[in-house]
Amino acid sequence: MLPKVLVTGAGGFLGRHLVQELLQRGYSVRALIRENWFPLPTALLPLDMLPVEVWEGDITQPATVAGAAQGCSAIIHAAALAQVNPARNPAVWATNLAGTENMLRIARQAGVERLVYVGTANVFGFGTKQRPGNETRPYAGRRYGLDYMDSKQAATSLLLRAVRQEQLPAVLVHPTFMLGPGDVKPTSNALLLELYQGRLPGYPAGGKNYVHVRDVAVATINALTQGRIGESYILGNQNLTYREAFTLMADLMGVRPPRWPLPPALAHLYGSLCDLKTQLTGRPAQVNAAMVAVANDGHYFTAQKARDELALPQTDLSEGILEAFNWFKAHQYA
């Protein structure tokens, strides 16, 4: 059997795929999950019924994860709080930055041979379809005012400093927007359910890069033995406008795609009204102004570096959409 790997966020959407891919390759796995976290009983086999060692803990509470990496040769740190509504939330910083600091401390104490950090492509500057963003472009997300993006950028900087100053053996991978089966919450795949249920009458002006979650898991695990220490790798695939993506998704699910373009000015006004509603009611509205600002931009990236150095697969987006939708139907989400 291959060495033992600690996977943080093992109960999440990507985390489950990481655990399954590691097991298929013959690794021994210690799965770190939050205490009392469990998937819907009809949706996923509980982790403790898989051949893994389950460690219950919270990366924001150092005492609960002390020793979690002992006996492990590597860590895949995938735990994160990807909340964007509300735009400002101290819990996001506690998980994404302070939690990463705690995992760095654990990695040092255990003397792991490699730490693979799972970030987000949003910590790099995006580009156009013709000239997509890559790992060399500086962070461009601060203008949105989203704690999620800002905290992930801060965590990325933290990792890179540790590599430079302490020779931490870390490789950083940065997925784009992941689609695929097994999204219990659901998180990114909630977009499919909103389209299927007709809750998206229009499409914003921007776009983004999409990737199959299984491809991300494969490249992330490849980073245990491939890639260069201290390097970042965008894990993505297809760049699509929202109109293109929504039309493809709707066609594959057999529903009508959104008909109306949402002009940026109108979308901005709607986001501002949602923010006002949130202030008056104390409850997050459907979206916020920061989310609208992101949707008005084209967040396009290239994953050429990861294809070259991490053997990132490039599964067609249609397959990820269909697998996600069929999984939702099988588990009575749709």
C-alpha atoms as a PDB file:
ATOM      1  CA  MET A   1       0.000   0.000   0.000  1.00  0.00           C
ATOM      2  CA  LEU A   2       1.170   3.535  -0.769  1.00  0.00           C
ATOM      3  CA  PRO A   3       1.838   6.046   2.061  1.00  0.00           C
ATOM      4  CA  LYS A   4      -0.910   7.560   4.196  1.00  0.00           C
ATOM      5  CA  VAL A   5      -2.398  10.890   3.138  1.00  0.00           C
ATOM      6  CA  LEU A   6      -4.377  13.251   5.364  1.00  0.00           C
ATOM      7  CA  VAL A   7      -7.270  14.870   3.462  1.00  0.00           C
ATOM      8  CA  THR A   8      -8.893  17.904   5.064  1.00  0.00           C
ATOM      9  CA  GLY A   9     -12.424  18.739   3.983  1.00  0.00           C
ATOM     10  CA  ALA A  10     -12.845  15.058   3.170  1.00  0.00           C
ATOM     11  CA  GLY A  11     -16.616  15.222   3.548  1.00  0.00           C
ATOM     12  CA  GLY A  12     -17.060  17.979   0.979  1.00  0.00           C
ATOM     13  CA  PHE A  13     -17.789  17.872  -2.738  1.00  0.00           C
ATOM     14  CA  LEU A  14     -14.153  17.744  -3.893  1.00  0.00           C
ATOM     15  CA  GLY A  15     -13.023  15.988  -0.728  1.00  0.00           C
ATOM     16  CA  ARG A  16     -15.146  12.921  -1.415  1.00  0.00           C
ATOM     17  CA  HIS A  17     -13.700  12.613  -4.905  1.00  0.00           C
ATOM     18  CA  LEU A  18     -10.195  12.976  -3.495  1.00  0.00           C
ATOM     19  CA  VAL A  19     -10.784  10.178  -1.001  1.00  0.00           C
ATOM     20  CA  GLN A  20     -12.203   7.866  -3.656  1.00  0.00           C
ATOM     21  CA  GLU A  21      -9.361   8.553  -6.106  1.00  0.00           C
ATOM     22  CA  LEU A  22      -6.722   8.021  -3.416  1.00  0.00           C
ATOM     23  CA  LEU A  23      -8.270   4.695  -2.436  1.00  0.00           C
ATOM     24  CA  GLN A  24      -8.431   3.584  -6.059  1.00  0.00           C
ATOM     25  CA  ARG A  25      -4.717   4.285  -6.413  1.00  0.00           C
ATOM     26  CA  GLY A  26      -3.848   2.304  -3.301  1.00  0.00           C
ATOM     27  CA  TYR A  27      -3.120   5.115  -0.859  1.00  0.00           C
ATOM     28  CA  SER A  28      -3.991   4.848   2.805  1.00  0.00           C
ATOM     29  CA  VAL A  29      -6.303   7.710   3.762  1.00  0.00           C
ATOM     30  CA  ARG A  30      -6.980   9.631   6.957  1.00  0.00           C
ATOM     31  CA  ALA A  31     -10.111  11.719   6.369  1.00  0.00           C
ATOM     32  CA  LEU A  32     -10.446  14.886   8.443  1.00  0.00           C
ATOM     33  CA  ILE A  33     -14.058  15.996   8.822  1.00  0.00           C
ATOM     34  CA  ARG A  34     -15.841  18.390  11.136  1.00  0.00           C
ATOM     35  CA  GLU A  35     -17.351  16.889  14.254  1.00  0.00           C
ATOM     36  CA  ASN A  36     -20.993  15.877  13.748  1.00  0.00           C
ATOM     37  CA  TRP A  37     -20.663  16.431   9.978  1.00  0.00           C
ATOM     38  CA  PHE A  38     -22.496  13.818   7.946  1.00  0.00           C
ATOM     39  CA  PRO A  39     -23.976  13.640   4.443  1.00  0.00           C
ATOM     40  CA  LEU A  40     -27.624  12.998   3.820  1.00  0.00           C
ATOM     41  CA  PRO A  41     -28.041   9.290   4.633  1.00  0.00           C
ATOM     42  CA  THR A  42     -29.568   8.461   1.249  1.00  0.00           C
ATOM     43  CA  ALA A  43     -27.020  10.435  -0.757  1.00  0.00           C
ATOM     44  CA  LEU A  44     -23.557   9.136   0.090  1.00  0.00           C
ATOM     45  CA  LEU A  45     -21.968   6.220   1.850  1.00  0.00           C
ATOM     46  CA  PRO A  46     -20.665   7.571   5.174  1.00  0.00           C
ATOM     47  CA  LEU A  47     -16.900   7.942   5.213  1.00  0.00           C
ATOM     48  CA  ASP A  48     -16.580   5.597   8.174  1.00  0.00           C
ATOM     49  CA  MET A  49     -18.005   2.820   5.979  1.00  0.00           C
ATOM     50  CA  LEU A  50     -15.134   3.281   3.510  1.00  0.00           C
ATOM     51  CA  PRO A  51     -11.661   1.825   4.184  1.00  0.00           C
ATOM     52  CA  VAL A  52     -10.394   5.105   5.610  1.00  0.00           C
ATOM     53  CA  GLU A  53      -9.387   6.374   9.026  1.00  0.00           C
ATOM     54  CA  VAL A  54     -11.793   9.136  10.075  1.00  0.00           C
ATOM     55  CA  TRP A  55     -10.533  11.987  12.252  1.00  0.00           C
ATOM     56  CA  GLU A  56     -13.189  14.362  13.544  1.00  0.00           C
ATOM     57  CA  GLY A  57     -11.964  17.887  14.063  1.00  0.00           C
ATOM     58  CA  ASP A  58     -12.255  21.530  13.072  1.00  0.00           C
ATOM     59  CA  ILE A  59      -9.296  23.230  11.398  1.00  0.00           C
ATOM     60  CA  THR A  60     -10.245  26.488  13.143  1.00  0.00           C
ATOM     61  CA  GLN A  61      -9.839  24.766  16.530  1.00  0.00           C
ATOM     62  CA  PRO A  62      -6.178  23.685  16.831  1.00  0.00           C
ATOM     63  CA  ALA A  63      -6.743  21.359  19.764  1.00  0.00           C
ATOM     64  CA  THR A  64      -9.164  19.225  17.742  1.00  0.00           C
ATOM     65  CA  VAL A  65      -6.700  18.617  14.907  1.00  0.00           C
ATOM     66  CA  ALA A  66      -3.456  18.345  16.875  1.00  0.00           C
ATOM     67  CA  GLY A  67      -1.723  15.168  15.756  1.00  0.00           C
ATOM     68  CA  ALA A  68      -4.019  14.667  12.782  1.00  0.00           C
ATOM     69  CA  ALA A  69      -1.058  14.365  10.399  1.00  0.00           C
ATOM     70  CA  GLN A  70       1.113  12.132  12.565  1.00  0.00           C
ATOM     71  CA  GLY A  71       2.051   9.040  10.576  1.00  0.00           C
ATOM     72  CA  CYS A  72       1.056  10.688   7.283  1.00  0.00           C
ATOM     73  CA  SER A  73       3.598  11.361   4.559  1.00  0.00           C
ATOM     74  CA  ALA A  74       1.454  14.015   2.873  1.00  0.00           C
ATOM     75  CA  ILE A  75      -1.475  16.364   3.385  1.00  0.00           C
ATOM     76  CA  ILE A  76      -4.072  17.474   0.870  1.00  0.00           C
ATOM     77  CA  HIS A  77      -5.607  20.579   2.402  1.00  0.00           C
ATOM     78  CA  ALA A  78      -8.971  20.939   0.670  1.00  0.00           C
ATOM     79  CA  ALA A  79     -11.054  22.263   3.586  1.00  0.00           C
ATOM     80  CA  ALA A  80     -12.487  25.716   2.916  1.00  0.00           C
ATOM     81  CA  LEU A  81     -15.583  27.825   3.387  1.00  0.00           C
ATOM     82  CA  ALA A  82     -16.668  28.904  -0.106  1.00  0.00           C
ATOM     83  CA  GLN A  83     -19.478  31.168   1.063  1.00  0.00           C
ATOM     84  CA  VAL A  84     -20.072  34.335  -0.986  1.00  0.00           C
ATOM     85  CA  ASN A  85     -23.416  35.401   0.461  1.00  0.00           C
ATOM     86  CA  PRO A  86     -23.095  37.427   2.612  1.00  0.00           C
ATOM     87  CA  ALA A  87     -20.042  38.943   0.996  1.00  0.00           C
ATOM     88  CA  ARG A  88     -18.435  39.703   4.350  1.00  0.00           C
ATOM     89  CA  ASN A  89     -18.267  36.943   6.937  1.00  0.00           C
ATOM     90  CA  PRO A  90     -15.623  36.462   9.661  1.00  0.00           C
ATOM     91  CA  ALA A  91     -16.185  32.696   9.543  1.00  0.00           C
ATOM     92  CA  VAL A  92     -14.770  32.661   6.010  1.00  0.00           C
ATOM     93  CA  TRP A  93     -11.495  34.162   7.234  1.00  0.00           C
ATOM     94  CA  ALA A  94     -11.424  31.843  10.245  1.00  0.00           C
ATOM     95  CA  THR A  95     -11.631  28.788   7.996  1.00  0.00           C
ATOM     96  CA  ASN A  96      -9.701  29.842   4.926  1.00  0.00           C
ATOM     97  CA  LEU A  97      -6.810  31.737   6.493  1.00  0.00           C
ATOM     98  CA  ALA A  98      -6.596  30.860  10.198  1.00  0.00           C
ATOM     99  CA  GLY A  99      -7.508  27.249   9.403  1.00  0.00           C
ATOM    100  CA  THR A 100      -4.734  27.094   6.812  1.00  0.00           C
ATOM    101  CA  GLU A 101      -2.270  28.536   9.343  1.00  0.00           C
ATOM    102  CA  ASN A 102      -3.234  25.727  11.712  1.00  0.00           C
ATOM    103  CA  MET A 103      -2.698  23.121   8.994  1.00  0.00           C
ATOM    104  CA  LEU A 104       0.743  24.577   8.218  1.00  0.00           C
ATOM    105  CA  ARG A 105       1.669  24.172  11.868  1.00  0.00           C
ATOM    106  CA  ILE A 106       0.490  20.564  11.773  1.00  0.00           C
ATOM    107  CA  ALA A 107       2.435  19.902   8.571  1.00  0.00           C
ATOM    108  CA  ARG A 108       5.629  21.238  10.154  1.00  0.00           C
ATOM    109  CA  GLN A 109       5.151  19.160  13.293  1.00  0.00           C
ATOM    110  CA  ALA A 110       4.520  15.981  11.294  1.00  0.00           C
ATOM    111  CA  GLY A 111       7.375  16.634   8.878  1.00  0.00           C
ATOM    112  CA  VAL A 112       5.280  15.691   5.853  1.00  0.00           C
ATOM    113  CA  GLU A 113       7.033  15.153   2.541  1.00  0.00           C
ATOM    114  CA  ARG A 114       4.458  17.176   0.615  1.00  0.00           C
ATOM    115  CA  LEU A 115       1.528  19.471   1.260  1.00  0.00           C
ATOM    116  CA  VAL A 116      -0.937  20.035  -1.581  1.00  0.00           C
ATOM    117  CA  TYR A 117      -3.031  23.131  -0.973  1.00  0.00           C
ATOM    118  CA  VAL A 118      -6.359  23.501  -2.803  1.00  0.00           C
ATOM    119  CA  GLY A 119      -7.003  27.158  -3.530  1.00  0.00           C
ATOM    120  CA  THR A 120      -9.093  28.815  -6.234  1.00  0.00           C
ATOM    121  CA  ALA A 121      -8.318  30.209  -9.668  1.00  0.00           C
ATOM    122  CA  ASN A 122      -9.869  33.470  -8.489  1.00  0.00           C
ATOM    123  CA  VAL A 123      -6.592  34.374  -6.753  1.00  0.00           C
ATOM    124  CA  PHE A 124      -5.175  35.120 -10.214  1.00  0.00           C
ATOM    125  CA  GLY A 125      -6.089  37.796 -12.706  1.00  0.00           C
ATOM    126  CA  PHE A 126      -8.651  36.610 -15.216  1.00  0.00           C
ATOM    127  CA  GLY A 127      -8.599  37.359 -18.925  1.00  0.00           C
ATOM    128  CA  THR A 128     -10.623  37.096 -22.109  1.00  0.00           C
ATOM    129  CA  LYS A 129     -11.419  33.971 -24.064  1.00  0.00           C
ATOM    130  CA  GLN A 130      -8.739  34.963 -26.540  1.00  0.00           C
ATOM    131  CA  ARG A 131      -6.168  35.746 -23.828  1.00  0.00           C
ATOM    132  CA  PRO A 132      -7.261  33.870 -20.701  1.00  0.00           C
ATOM    133  CA  GLY A 133      -5.715  34.470 -17.315  1.00  0.00           C
ATOM    134  CA  ASN A 134      -2.914  32.281 -16.008  1.00  0.00           C
ATOM    135  CA  GLU A 135      -0.770  31.771 -12.912  1.00  0.00           C
ATOM    136  CA  THR A 136       1.399  34.823 -13.658  1.00  0.00           C
ATOM    137  CA  ARG A 137      -1.390  37.386 -13.478  1.00  0.00           C
ATOM    138  CA  PRO A 138      -1.761  39.280 -10.190  1.00  0.00           C
ATOM    139  CA  TYR A 139      -4.852  39.029  -8.043  1.00  0.00           C
ATOM    140  CA  ALA A 140      -7.717  41.081  -9.467  1.00  0.00           C
ATOM    141  CA  GLY A 141     -10.554  40.145  -7.113  1.00  0.00           C
ATOM    142  CA  ARG A 142     -10.099  42.673  -4.341  1.00  0.00           C
ATOM    143  CA  ARG A 143     -12.435  45.110  -6.087  1.00  0.00           C
ATOM    144  CA  TYR A 144     -15.400  42.787  -5.486  1.00  0.00           C
ATOM    145  CA  GLY A 145     -15.309  42.938  -1.709  1.00  0.00           C
ATOM    146  CA  LEU A 146     -15.771  39.183  -1.248  1.00  0.00           C
ATOM    147  CA  ASP A 147     -14.211  37.679   1.853  1.00  0.00           C
ATOM    148  CA  TYR A 148     -14.021  34.314   0.091  1.00  0.00           C
ATOM    149  CA  MET A 149     -11.702  35.556  -2.656  1.00  0.00           C
ATOM    150  CA  ASP A 150      -9.689  37.802  -0.338  1.00  0.00           C
ATOM    151  CA  SER A 151      -9.185  35.069   2.259  1.00  0.00           C
ATOM    152  CA  LYS A 152      -8.082  32.513  -0.333  1.00  0.00           C
ATOM    153  CA  GLN A 153      -5.629  35.006  -1.776  1.00  0.00           C
ATOM    154  CA  ALA A 154      -4.251  35.650   1.716  1.00  0.00           C
ATOM    155  CA  ALA A 155      -3.922  31.896   2.337  1.00  0.00           C
ATOM    156  CA  THR A 156      -2.112  31.474  -0.968  1.00  0.00           C
ATOM    157  CA  SER A 157       0.359  34.191   0.005  1.00  0.00           C
ATOM    158  CA  LEU A 158       0.815  32.496   3.378  1.00  0.00           C
ATOM    159  CA  LEU A 159       1.732  29.200   1.688  1.00  0.00           C
ATOM    160  CA  LEU A 160       4.145  30.827  -0.736  1.00  0.00           C
ATOM    161  CA  ARG A 161       5.935  32.636   2.125  1.00  0.00           C
ATOM    162  CA  ALA A 162       6.307  29.335   3.977  1.00  0.00           C
ATOM    163  CA  VAL A 163       7.831  27.768   0.861  1.00  0.00           C
ATOM    164  CA  ARG A 164      10.330  30.624   0.480  1.00  0.00           C
ATOM    165  CA  GLN A 165      11.231  31.114   4.129  1.00  0.00           C
ATOM    166  CA  GLU A 166      10.888  27.593   5.560  1.00  0.00           C
ATOM    167  CA  GLN A 167      11.338  25.366   2.497  1.00  0.00           C
ATOM    168  CA  LEU A 168       7.830  23.974   3.050  1.00  0.00           C
ATOM    169  CA  PRO A 169       7.352  21.221   0.422  1.00  0.00           C
ATOM    170  CA  ALA A 170       4.064  22.610  -0.883  1.00  0.00           C
ATOM    171  CA  VAL A 171       2.373  22.545  -4.282  1.00  0.00           C
ATOM    172  CA  LEU A 172      -0.679  24.737  -4.843  1.00  0.00           C
ATOM    173  CA  VAL A 173      -3.601  23.783  -7.077  1.00  0.00           C
ATOM    174  CA  HIS A 174      -6.376  26.224  -7.944  1.00  0.00           C
ATOM    175  CA  PRO A 175      -9.614  24.824  -9.391  1.00  0.00           C
ATOM    176  CA  THR A 176     -12.071  26.844 -11.424  1.00  0.00           C
ATOM    177  CA  PHE A 177     -15.844  26.165 -11.214  1.00  0.00           C
ATOM    178  CA  MET A 178     -16.332  22.450 -10.535  1.00  0.00           C
ATOM    179  CA  LEU A 179     -19.239  20.355 -11.813  1.00  0.00           C
ATOM    180  CA  GLY A 180     -19.944  16.656 -11.373  1.00  0.00           C
ATOM    181  CA  PRO A 181     -21.776  14.059  -9.268  1.00  0.00           C
ATOM    182  CA  GLY A 182     -21.920  13.756  -5.494  1.00  0.00           C
ATOM    183  CA  ASP A 183     -22.557  17.383  -4.518  1.00  0.00           C
ATOM    184  CA  VAL A 184     -24.546  16.722  -1.354  1.00  0.00           C
ATOM    185  CA  LYS A 185     -24.963  20.301  -0.093  1.00  0.00           C
ATOM    186  CA  PRO A 186     -25.283  21.203  -3.049  1.00  0.00           C
ATOM    187  CA  THR A 187     -22.589  23.812  -3.715  1.00  0.00           C
ATOM    188  CA  SER A 188     -21.418  24.688  -7.236  1.00  0.00           C
ATOM    189  CA  ASN A 189     -23.862  22.259  -8.812  1.00  0.00           C
ATOM    190  CA  ALA A 190     -26.773  24.201  -7.285  1.00  0.00           C
ATOM    191  CA  LEU A 191     -26.647  26.209 -10.495  1.00  0.00           C
ATOM    192  CA  LEU A 192     -27.993  23.176 -12.366  1.00  0.00           C
ATOM    193  CA  LEU A 193     -30.929  22.844  -9.991  1.00  0.00           C
ATOM    194  CA  GLU A 194     -31.789  26.535 -10.342  1.00  0.00           C
ATOM    195  CA  LEU A 195     -31.798  26.188 -14.124  1.00  0.00           C
ATOM    196  CA  TYR A 196     -33.822  22.984 -13.999  1.00  0.00           C
ATOM    197  CA  GLN A 197     -36.407  24.557 -11.710  1.00  0.00           C
ATOM    198  CA  GLY A 198     -36.718  27.681 -13.870  1.00  0.00           C
ATOM    199  CA  ARG A 199     -35.386  30.103 -11.266  1.00  0.00           C
ATOM    200  CA  LEU A 200     -32.967  31.836 -13.656  1.00  0.00           C
ATOM    201  CA  PRO A 201     -34.973  33.909 -16.160  1.00  0.00           C
ATOM    202  CA  GLY A 202     -31.905  35.667 -17.571  1.00  0.00           C
ATOM    203  CA  TYR A 203     -28.156  35.396 -17.954  1.00  0.00           C
ATOM    204  CA  PRO A 204     -25.490  37.903 -16.898  1.00  0.00           C
ATOM    205  CA  ALA A 205     -22.955  39.447 -19.236  1.00  0.00           C
ATOM    206  CA  GLY A 206     -19.868  37.602 -18.019  1.00  0.00           C
ATOM    207  CA  GLY A 207     -18.630  34.035 -17.998  1.00  0.00           C
ATOM    208  CA  LYS A 208     -16.238  31.637 -16.316  1.00  0.00           C
ATOM    209  CA  ASN A 209     -14.109  28.531 -16.660  1.00  0.00           C
ATOM    210  CA  TYR A 210     -15.619  25.126 -15.834  1.00  0.00           C
ATOM    211  CA  VAL A 211     -13.979  21.807 -14.953  1.00  0.00           C
ATOM    212  CA  HIS A 212     -15.114  18.307 -13.985  1.00  0.00           C
ATOM    213  CA  VAL A 213     -14.597  17.685 -10.273  1.00  0.00           C
ATOM    214  CA  ARG A 214     -13.052  14.290 -11.003  1.00  0.00           C
ATOM    215  CA  ASP A 215     -10.397  15.938 -13.187  1.00  0.00           C
ATOM    216  CA  VAL A 216      -9.561  18.244 -10.285  1.00  0.00           C
ATOM    217  CA  ALA A 217      -9.231  15.254  -7.951  1.00  0.00           C
ATOM    218  CA  VAL A 218      -6.921  13.445 -10.378  1.00  0.00           C
ATOM    219  CA  ALA A 219      -4.590  16.430 -10.851  1.00  0.00           C
ATOM    220  CA  THR A 220      -4.595  17.246  -7.128  1.00  0.00           C
ATOM    221  CA  ILE A 221      -3.456  13.730  -6.270  1.00  0.00           C
ATOM    222  CA  ASN A 222      -0.930  13.811  -9.100  1.00  0.00           C
ATOM    223  CA  ALA A 223       0.536  16.840  -7.301  1.00  0.00           C
ATOM    224  CA  LEU A 224       1.610  14.512  -4.489  1.00  0.00           C
ATOM    225  CA  THR A 225       4.369  13.237  -6.775  1.00  0.00           C
ATOM    226  CA  GLN A 226       4.370  15.637  -9.724  1.00  0.00           C
ATOM    227  CA  GLY A 227       4.668  19.373 -10.160  1.00  0.00           C
ATOM    228  CA  ARG A 228       7.244  21.738  -8.714  1.00  0.00           C
ATOM    229  CA  ILE A 229       7.516  22.816  -5.086  1.00  0.00           C
ATOM    230  CA  GLY A 230       6.204  26.339  -4.608  1.00  0.00           C
ATOM    231  CA  GLU A 231       4.376  26.413  -7.923  1.00  0.00           C
ATOM    232  CA  SER A 232       0.691  27.162  -8.481  1.00  0.00           C
ATOM    233  CA  TYR A 233      -1.456  25.329 -11.016  1.00  0.00           C
ATOM    234  CA  ILE A 234      -4.860  26.412 -12.311  1.00  0.00           C
ATOM    235  CA  LEU A 235      -7.127  23.367 -12.691  1.00  0.00           C
ATOM    236  CA  GLY A 236      -9.720  24.214 -15.328  1.00  0.00           C
ATOM    237  CA  ASN A 237     -11.036  23.285 -18.732  1.00  0.00           C
ATOM    238  CA  GLN A 238     -13.698  25.099 -20.765  1.00  0.00           C
ATOM    239  CA  ASN A 239     -14.265  28.872 -20.922  1.00  0.00           C
ATOM    240  CA  LEU A 240     -17.916  29.715 -21.579  1.00  0.00           C
ATOM    241  CA  THR A 241     -20.051  32.811 -21.348  1.00  0.00           C
ATOM    242  CA  TYR A 242     -23.028  32.430 -19.041  1.00  0.00           C
ATOM    243  CA  ARG A 243     -25.279  32.367 -22.068  1.00  0.00           C
ATOM    244  CA  GLU A 244     -23.275  29.501 -23.591  1.00  0.00           C
ATOM    245  CA  ALA A 245     -23.067  27.600 -20.313  1.00  0.00           C
ATOM    246  CA  PHE A 246     -26.730  28.032 -19.374  1.00  0.00           C
ATOM    247  CA  THR A 247     -27.848  26.978 -22.865  1.00  0.00           C
ATOM    248  CA  LEU A 248     -25.672  23.855 -22.756  1.00  0.00           C
ATOM    249  CA  MET A 249     -26.870  22.926 -19.264  1.00  0.00           C
ATOM    250  CA  ALA A 250     -30.542  23.511 -20.087  1.00  0.00           C
ATOM    251  CA  ASP A 251     -30.326  21.499 -23.312  1.00  0.00           C
ATOM    252  CA  LEU A 252     -28.737  18.535 -21.515  1.00  0.00           C
ATOM    253  CA  MET A 253     -31.376  18.637 -18.767  1.00  0.00           C
ATOM    254  CA  GLY A 254     -34.240  18.996 -21.246  1.00  0.00           C
ATOM    255  CA  VAL A 255     -35.471  22.395 -20.077  1.00  0.00           C
ATOM    256  CA  ARG A 256     -35.719  25.831 -21.656  1.00  0.00           C
ATOM    257  CA  PRO A 257     -32.626  28.017 -21.215  1.00  0.00           C
ATOM    258  CA  PRO A 258     -32.890  31.528 -19.789  1.00  0.00           C
ATOM    259  CA  ARG A 259     -34.145  33.884 -22.478  1.00  0.00           C
ATOM    260  CA  TRP A 260     -33.148  37.381 -21.435  1.00  0.00           C
ATOM    261  CA  PRO A 261     -29.721  39.003 -21.229  1.00  0.00           C
ATOM    262  CA  LEU A 262     -29.191  40.964 -18.016  1.00  0.00           C
ATOM    263  CA  PRO A 263     -27.442  44.243 -18.880  1.00  0.00           C
ATOM    264  CA  PRO A 264     -24.635  44.979 -16.388  1.00  0.00           C
ATOM    265  CA  ALA A 265     -26.287  48.202 -15.185  1.00  0.00           C
ATOM    266  CA  LEU A 266     -29.589  46.435 -14.510  1.00  0.00           C
ATOM    267  CA  ALA A 267     -27.816  43.545 -12.803  1.00  0.00           C
ATOM    268  CA  HIS A 268     -25.890  46.002 -10.625  1.00  0.00           C
ATOM    269  CA  LEU A 269     -29.126  47.739  -9.625  1.00  0.00           C
ATOM    270  CA  TYR A 270     -30.664  44.399  -8.698  1.00  0.00           C
ATOM    271  CA  GLY A 271     -27.617  43.501  -6.596  1.00  0.00           C
ATOM    272  CA  SER A 272     -27.823  46.838  -4.773  1.00  0.00           C
ATOM    273  CA  LEU A 273     -31.516  46.299  -4.048  1.00  0.00           C
ATOM    274  CA  CYS A 274     -30.699  42.836  -2.691  1.00  0.00           C
ATOM    275  CA  ASP A 275     -28.095  44.379  -0.396  1.00  0.00           C
ATOM    276  CA  LEU A 276     -30.694  46.875   0.839  1.00  0.00           C
ATOM    277  CA  LYS A 277     -33.149  44.042   1.490  1.00  0.00           C
ATOM    278  CA  THR A 278     -30.479  42.216   3.481  1.00  0.00           C
ATOM    279  CA  GLN A 279     -29.811  45.306   5.597  1.00  0.00           C
ATOM    280  CA  LEU A 280     -33.515  45.774   6.323  1.00  0.00           C
ATOM    281  CA  THR A 281     -34.347  42.151   7.076  1.00  0.00           C
ATOM    282  CA  GLY A 282     -31.082  40.871   8.504  1.00  0.00           C
ATOM    283  CA  ARG A 283     -31.275  37.860   6.182  1.00  0.00           C
ATOM    284  CA  PRO A 284     -29.164  37.332   3.020  1.00  0.00           C
ATOM    285  CA  ALA A 285     -31.077  37.939  -0.196  1.00  0.00           C
ATOM    286  CA  GLN A 286     -30.766  35.654  -3.223  1.00  0.00           C
ATOM    287  CA  VAL A 287     -27.622  37.487  -4.393  1.00  0.00           C
ATOM    288  CA  ASN A 288     -25.558  40.497  -3.376  1.00  0.00           C
ATOM    289  CA  ALA A 289     -23.841  43.316  -5.236  1.00  0.00           C
ATOM    290  CA  ALA A 290     -20.456  41.578  -5.039  1.00  0.00           C
ATOM    291  CA  MET A 291     -21.814  38.409  -6.639  1.00  0.00           C
ATOM    292  CA  VAL A 292     -23.398  40.480  -9.406  1.00  0.00           C
ATOM    293  CA  ALA A 293     -20.121  42.287 -10.059  1.00  0.00           C
ATOM    294  CA  VAL A 294     -18.362  38.930 -10.458  1.00  0.00           C
ATOM    295  CA  ALA A 295     -21.073  37.684 -12.842  1.00  0.00           C
ATOM    296  CA  ASN A 296     -20.702  40.793 -14.996  1.00  0.00           C
ATOM    297  CA  ASP A 297     -17.041  39.944 -15.657  1.00  0.00           C
ATOM    298  CA  GLY A 298     -15.502  37.186 -17.751  1.00  0.00           C
ATOM    299  CA  HIS A 299     -13.439  34.980 -15.430  1.00  0.00           C
ATOM    300  CA  TYR A 300     -11.589  33.054 -18.133  1.00  0.00           C
ATOM    301  CA  PHE A 301      -8.442  31.041 -17.460  1.00  0.00           C
ATOM    302  CA  THR A 302      -6.069  28.612 -19.134  1.00  0.00           C
ATOM    303  CA  ALA A 303      -4.999  25.361 -17.469  1.00  0.00           C
ATOM    304  CA  GLN A 304      -2.137  24.644 -19.855  1.00  0.00           C
ATOM    305  CA  LYS A 305       0.471  24.574 -17.071  1.00  0.00           C
ATOM    306  CA  ALA A 306      -1.487  21.943 -15.121  1.00  0.00           C
ATOM    307  CA  ARG A 307      -2.015  19.889 -18.272  1.00  0.00           C
ATOM    308  CA  ASP A 308       1.717  19.925 -18.928  1.00  0.00           C
ATOM    309  CA  GLU A 309       3.004  19.318 -15.402  1.00  0.00           C
ATOM    310  CA  LEU A 310       0.177  17.593 -13.467  1.00  0.00           C
ATOM    311  CA  ALA A 311      -1.411  15.588 -16.303  1.00  0.00           C
ATOM    312  CA  LEU A 312      -4.718  17.363 -15.683  1.00  0.00           C
ATOM    313  CA  PRO A 313      -7.459  15.465 -17.589  1.00  0.00           C
ATOM    314  CA  GLN A 314      -9.890  17.436 -19.740  1.00  0.00           C
ATOM    315  CA  THR A 315     -13.276  15.729 -19.507  1.00  0.00           C
ATOM    316  CA  ASP A 316     -15.866  17.402 -21.697  1.00  0.00           C
ATOM    317  CA  LEU A 317     -18.127  19.667 -19.660  1.00  0.00           C
ATOM    318  CA  SER A 318     -21.225  17.940 -21.024  1.00  0.00           C
ATOM    319  CA  GLU A 319     -20.216  14.767 -19.213  1.00  0.00           C
ATOM    320  CA  GLY A 320     -19.882  16.583 -15.895  1.00  0.00           C
ATOM    321  CA  ILE A 321     -23.266  18.262 -16.338  1.00  0.00           C
ATOM    322  CA  LEU A 322     -25.022  15.002 -17.172  1.00  0.00           C
ATOM    323  CA  GLU A 323     -23.351  13.100 -14.329  1.00  0.00           C
ATOM    324  CA  ALA A 324     -24.311  15.809 -11.854  1.00  0.00           C
ATOM    325  CA  PHE A 325     -27.901  16.026 -13.092  1.00  0.00           C
ATOM    326  CA  ASN A 326     -28.378  12.258 -13.143  1.00  0.00           C
ATOM    327  CA  TRP A 327     -26.953  12.067  -9.616  1.00  0.00           C
ATOM    328  CA  PHE A 328     -29.396  14.735  -8.456  1.00  0.00           C
ATOM    329  CA  LYS A 329     -32.310  12.833 -10.019  1.00  0.00           C
ATOM    330  CA  ALA A 330     -31.180   9.529  -8.513  1.00  0.00           C
ATOM    331  CA  HIS A 331     -31.090  11.119  -5.060  1.00  0.00           C
ATOM    332  CA  GLN A 332     -34.340  13.078  -5.460  1.00  0.00           C
ATOM    333  CA  TYR A 333     -32.857  16.561  -5.619  1.00  0.00           C
ATOM    334  CA  ALA A 334     -34.451  17.140  -9.043  1.00  0.00           C
END
